[in-house]
Amino acid sequence: MFKVGKVSYLNTVPLFYRFEDIMIELVEGEPSYLVSLLRDGKIHAGIVSSVEYLFNRSQYRVVPGLCVASKQRICSVLLFSKRPMLEIKRVYLTPASLTSKILCKHLLEDVYKLKPEYVESRESADALLLIGDDALYEKRLGRFEYVYDLAEEWHKVYGLPFVFALFLVRKDADPSLDKLIEELALKSIKAFYEDFAQGRVEVEGFSRDELKDYFYHCIDYFLDEEKERSLELFGSLAYNHR
């Protein structure tokens, strides 16, 4: 039995839509939690933060062709702010993410030349980095005057999509797991989009219009050459913010 990590967010629904096999046990959790399980060998593989691969390449194999990336915007990795970007002073970074936190620091410090204070409390911050469903729900509430999509900010600077997560397999896991994950994920994505087009997909808490925008205009699941270039570029920049 292989244990495979699944992020408990809307963005992984297509990847796991028909992800069923007698050899697979799914383990759900936030991205940072799944990374810790993968490092400790408590799961064999998982869809996890891309920086885990960039910082620890020798420990993993990447399942080819699969990722969680943006097209131009990502819609669920958002910096909510009471101030314009260049006036941000204190930032709360969600502990749920590894990649998004480093991306946020790169954009604020290296691109916009800010020197923000990173705080532990949301209440003391004038900007909040939230990811996944938390970001989608907060945006719906409309409580912040300024909302910055971090993938869109990356695209403005580099003209590339951003890779937030990869399917990683521990190198000590059976090599057959890579192919099994690839087959199940591709089958799942195909079935999800076919069913969605036929109006057969519903996700509690989200309208069809919200789902259509998210899955057709924000998220991309295929790791191509352009995304690989973006991933390597991010890897060269990320070390300053480990």
Protein backbone atom coordinates (compact mmCIF):
# COMPACT_ATOMS: atom_id res chain seq x y z
CA MET A 1 0.00 0.00 0.00
CA PHE A 2 1.38 3.41 -1.03
CA LYS A 3 0.54 6.49 1.04
CA VAL A 4 0.05 9.57 -1.13
CA GLY A 5 -0.41 13.10 0.22
CA LYS A 6 -3.39 15.13 -0.98
CA VAL A 7 -3.75 18.83 -0.21
CA SER A 8 -7.19 19.53 1.23
CA TYR A 9 -7.96 22.49 -1.06
CA LEU A 10 -10.19 23.17 -4.03
CA ASN A 11 -7.14 23.32 -6.32
CA THR A 12 -6.50 19.56 -6.05
CA VAL A 13 -10.06 18.43 -6.82
CA PRO A 14 -9.33 17.67 -10.52
CA LEU A 15 -6.09 15.83 -9.68
CA PHE A 16 -7.89 13.44 -7.34
CA TYR A 17 -11.29 13.31 -9.01
CA ARG A 18 -10.88 9.65 -10.04
CA PHE A 19 -7.72 8.91 -8.09
CA GLU A 20 -8.67 5.44 -6.86
CA ASP A 21 -6.55 2.30 -6.73
CA ILE A 22 -6.29 -0.61 -4.31
CA MET A 23 -2.59 0.20 -3.91
CA ILE A 24 -3.17 3.84 -2.87
CA GLU A 25 -4.10 5.32 0.50
CA LEU A 26 -4.67 9.09 0.43
CA VAL A 27 -3.44 11.20 3.35
CA GLU A 28 -4.93 14.70 3.48
CA GLY A 29 -3.53 17.89 4.96
CA GLU A 30 -2.17 21.38 4.36
CA PRO A 31 0.89 21.73 2.10
CA SER A 32 3.40 22.36 4.89
CA TYR A 33 2.07 19.38 6.88
CA LEU A 34 2.36 17.04 3.90
CA VAL A 35 5.94 18.18 3.33
CA SER A 36 6.82 17.17 6.88
CA LEU A 37 5.23 13.74 6.37
CA LEU A 38 7.09 13.26 3.10
CA ARG A 39 10.44 14.27 4.62
CA ASP A 40 9.91 11.86 7.51
CA GLY A 41 8.95 8.97 5.23
CA LYS A 42 5.42 8.78 6.66
CA ILE A 43 4.04 9.08 3.14
CA HIS A 44 5.65 7.83 -0.07
CA ALA A 45 4.57 10.66 -2.35
CA GLY A 46 2.39 13.73 -2.50
CA ILE A 47 1.39 16.90 -4.26
CA VAL A 48 3.54 19.28 -2.22
CA SER A 49 5.24 22.68 -2.24
CA SER A 50 7.61 23.11 -5.17
CA VAL A 51 10.34 24.57 -2.93
CA GLU A 52 10.65 21.21 -1.19
CA TYR A 53 11.96 19.80 -4.46
CA LEU A 54 14.09 22.86 -5.26
CA PHE A 55 15.84 22.67 -1.88
CA ASN A 56 16.05 18.85 -1.61
CA ARG A 57 16.31 17.48 -5.14
CA SER A 58 18.42 14.49 -4.13
CA GLN A 59 15.60 13.07 -2.04
CA TYR A 60 12.81 13.00 -4.62
CA ARG A 61 11.64 12.07 -8.09
CA VAL A 62 9.21 14.39 -9.87
CA VAL A 63 6.19 12.72 -11.46
CA PRO A 64 6.55 13.96 -15.06
CA GLY A 65 4.11 16.38 -16.62
CA LEU A 66 2.10 17.21 -13.50
CA CYS A 67 1.98 20.23 -11.20
CA VAL A 68 -0.25 22.87 -9.67
CA ALA A 69 0.59 26.10 -11.46
CA SER A 70 -0.93 29.37 -12.55
CA LYS A 71 -1.89 30.40 -16.03
CA GLN A 72 -1.33 34.11 -15.41
CA ARG A 73 -3.18 34.58 -12.12
CA ILE A 74 -3.67 31.76 -9.61
CA CYS A 75 -6.68 33.21 -7.73
CA SER A 76 -5.96 31.38 -4.47
CA VAL A 77 -2.55 32.71 -3.38
CA LEU A 78 -3.40 36.25 -2.39
CA LEU A 79 -1.90 39.08 -0.39
CA PHE A 80 -4.72 41.04 1.25
CA SER A 81 -3.69 44.52 2.27
CA LYS A 82 -5.06 47.64 3.93
CA ARG A 83 -2.43 49.65 2.05
CA PRO A 84 -1.06 49.88 -1.49
CA MET A 85 1.80 47.45 -2.13
CA LEU A 86 4.59 50.01 -1.70
CA GLU A 87 3.23 51.12 1.68
CA ILE A 88 3.04 47.67 3.31
CA LYS A 89 4.88 47.54 6.65
CA ARG A 90 3.79 44.43 8.56
CA VAL A 91 2.94 41.11 6.92
CA TYR A 92 1.33 37.94 8.25
CA LEU A 93 2.44 34.83 6.33
CA THR A 94 0.19 31.80 6.57
CA PRO A 95 1.97 28.79 8.13
CA ALA A 96 0.09 26.52 5.71
CA SER A 97 2.47 27.23 2.85
CA LEU A 98 6.17 26.99 2.06
CA THR A 99 6.37 28.04 -1.58
CA SER A 100 3.93 30.95 -1.29
CA LYS A 101 5.75 32.43 1.69
CA ILE A 102 9.05 32.49 -0.19
CA LEU A 103 7.38 33.89 -3.30
CA CYS A 104 5.81 36.63 -1.19
CA LYS A 105 9.16 37.54 0.39
CA HIS A 106 10.85 37.61 -3.01
CA LEU A 107 8.24 39.94 -4.47
CA LEU A 108 8.14 42.28 -1.48
CA GLU A 109 11.88 42.43 -0.79
CA ASP A 110 13.63 41.80 -4.12
CA VAL A 111 11.13 43.15 -6.63
CA TYR A 112 9.43 45.98 -4.72
CA LYS A 113 12.45 46.72 -2.50
CA LEU A 114 10.43 46.74 0.73
CA LYS A 115 11.65 45.78 4.18
CA PRO A 116 8.49 44.55 5.86
CA GLU A 117 8.23 43.13 9.34
CA TYR A 118 6.81 39.60 9.37
CA VAL A 119 4.43 39.21 12.29
CA GLU A 120 2.82 36.22 14.00
CA SER A 121 -0.60 37.82 14.47
CA ARG A 122 -3.13 38.71 11.81
CA GLU A 123 -4.42 41.54 13.99
CA SER A 124 -1.08 43.34 14.05
CA ALA A 125 -0.52 43.04 10.30
CA ASP A 126 -1.53 45.44 7.57
CA ALA A 127 -1.22 42.67 4.96
CA LEU A 128 -2.11 38.96 5.09
CA LEU A 129 -0.83 36.18 2.84
CA LEU A 130 -3.50 33.48 2.55
CA ILE A 131 -3.62 30.45 0.28
CA GLY A 132 -6.08 27.88 -0.97
CA ASP A 133 -9.69 27.96 0.17
CA ASP A 134 -8.85 30.49 2.91
CA ALA A 135 -7.80 32.97 0.22
CA LEU A 136 -10.87 32.29 -1.92
CA TYR A 137 -13.24 32.79 1.02
CA GLU A 138 -11.48 35.96 2.21
CA LYS A 139 -11.64 37.50 -1.25
CA ARG A 140 -15.36 36.83 -1.38
CA LEU A 141 -15.84 38.78 1.86
CA GLY A 142 -14.27 41.88 0.31
CA ARG A 143 -12.82 43.19 3.56
CA PHE A 144 -9.53 44.45 2.10
CA GLU A 145 -9.16 47.37 -0.27
CA TYR A 146 -6.07 45.88 -1.95
CA VAL A 147 -5.77 42.26 -3.09
CA TYR A 148 -2.63 41.11 -4.89
CA ASP A 149 -2.48 37.79 -6.73
CA LEU A 150 1.10 36.59 -6.24
CA ALA A 151 1.20 34.57 -9.47
CA GLU A 152 0.01 37.62 -11.37
CA GLU A 153 2.72 39.72 -9.71
CA TRP A 154 5.32 37.09 -10.72
CA HIS A 155 3.97 37.12 -14.29
CA LYS A 156 4.22 40.92 -14.48
CA VAL A 157 7.94 40.71 -13.67
CA TYR A 158 9.04 37.53 -15.48
CA GLY A 159 6.31 36.84 -18.05
CA LEU A 160 6.01 33.24 -16.86
CA PRO A 161 3.42 31.10 -15.08
CA PHE A 162 4.30 30.09 -11.52
CA VAL A 163 4.62 26.50 -10.25
CA PHE A 164 3.30 26.18 -6.71
CA ALA A 165 3.31 22.41 -6.26
CA LEU A 166 4.75 19.23 -7.77
CA PHE A 167 3.94 15.56 -7.40
CA LEU A 168 7.02 14.30 -5.56
CA VAL A 169 7.94 10.69 -4.87
CA ARG A 170 10.58 9.72 -2.33
CA LYS A 171 13.58 8.13 -4.03
CA ASP A 172 13.36 5.14 -1.70
CA ALA A 173 9.79 4.41 -2.87
CA ASP A 174 9.05 1.73 -5.46
CA PRO A 175 9.57 3.21 -8.97
CA SER A 176 6.20 1.82 -10.06
CA LEU A 177 4.51 4.48 -7.91
CA ASP A 178 5.53 7.29 -10.29
CA LYS A 179 3.70 5.75 -13.25
CA LEU A 180 0.68 4.86 -11.13
CA ILE A 181 0.33 8.45 -9.90
CA GLU A 182 0.76 9.83 -13.42
CA GLU A 183 -1.93 7.52 -14.83
CA LEU A 184 -4.42 8.16 -12.02
CA ALA A 185 -3.94 11.95 -12.06
CA LEU A 186 -4.28 12.23 -15.83
CA LYS A 187 -7.41 10.08 -15.74
CA SER A 188 -8.79 12.26 -12.94
CA ILE A 189 -8.14 15.56 -14.72
CA LYS A 190 -9.74 14.30 -17.95
CA ALA A 191 -12.82 13.01 -16.13
CA PHE A 192 -13.19 16.17 -14.08
CA TYR A 193 -13.21 18.53 -17.05
CA GLU A 194 -15.51 16.27 -19.06
CA ASP A 195 -17.99 16.11 -16.16
CA PHE A 196 -17.69 19.84 -15.49
CA ALA A 197 -18.51 20.66 -19.11
CA GLN A 198 -21.63 18.51 -18.77
CA GLY A 199 -22.69 20.27 -15.56
CA ARG A 200 -22.06 17.21 -13.41
CA VAL A 201 -19.53 18.76 -10.98
CA GLU A 202 -20.57 20.51 -7.78
CA VAL A 203 -18.30 21.58 -4.93
CA GLU A 204 -19.90 22.64 -1.67
CA GLY A 205 -19.29 26.29 -0.86
CA PHE A 206 -18.59 27.41 -4.44
CA SER A 207 -20.88 28.51 -7.24
CA ARG A 208 -20.52 27.15 -10.77
CA ASP A 209 -19.30 30.55 -11.98
CA GLU A 210 -16.60 30.60 -9.29
CA LEU A 211 -15.52 27.08 -10.20
CA LYS A 212 -15.48 27.86 -13.92
CA ASP A 213 -13.28 30.91 -13.44
CA TYR A 214 -10.93 29.04 -11.13
CA PHE A 215 -10.50 25.84 -13.12
CA TYR A 216 -10.47 27.40 -16.59
CA HIS A 217 -8.71 30.73 -16.07
CA CYS A 218 -6.46 30.31 -13.02
CA ILE A 219 -5.18 26.77 -12.41
CA ASP A 220 -3.01 24.70 -14.73
CA TYR A 221 -2.00 21.10 -14.03
CA PHE A 222 0.50 20.36 -16.80
CA LEU A 223 4.24 20.82 -16.27
CA ASP A 224 5.62 21.94 -19.63
CA GLU A 225 8.91 23.56 -20.68
CA GLU A 226 7.73 27.09 -19.86
CA LYS A 227 6.75 26.09 -16.34
CA GLU A 228 10.02 24.21 -15.89
CA ARG A 229 11.89 27.41 -16.81
CA SER A 230 9.84 29.33 -14.28
CA LEU A 231 10.52 26.69 -11.64
CA GLU A 232 14.28 26.85 -12.17
CA LEU A 233 14.21 30.65 -12.13
CA PHE A 234 12.35 30.62 -8.85
CA GLY A 235 14.82 28.10 -7.49
CA SER A 236 17.70 30.48 -8.25
CA LEU A 237 15.90 33.29 -6.40
CA ALA A 238 14.44 31.34 -3.49
CA TYR A 239 17.67 30.56 -1.66
CA ASN A 240 17.84 34.14 -0.36
CA HIS A 241 14.62 33.54 1.59
CA ARG A 242 15.03 30.02 3.02
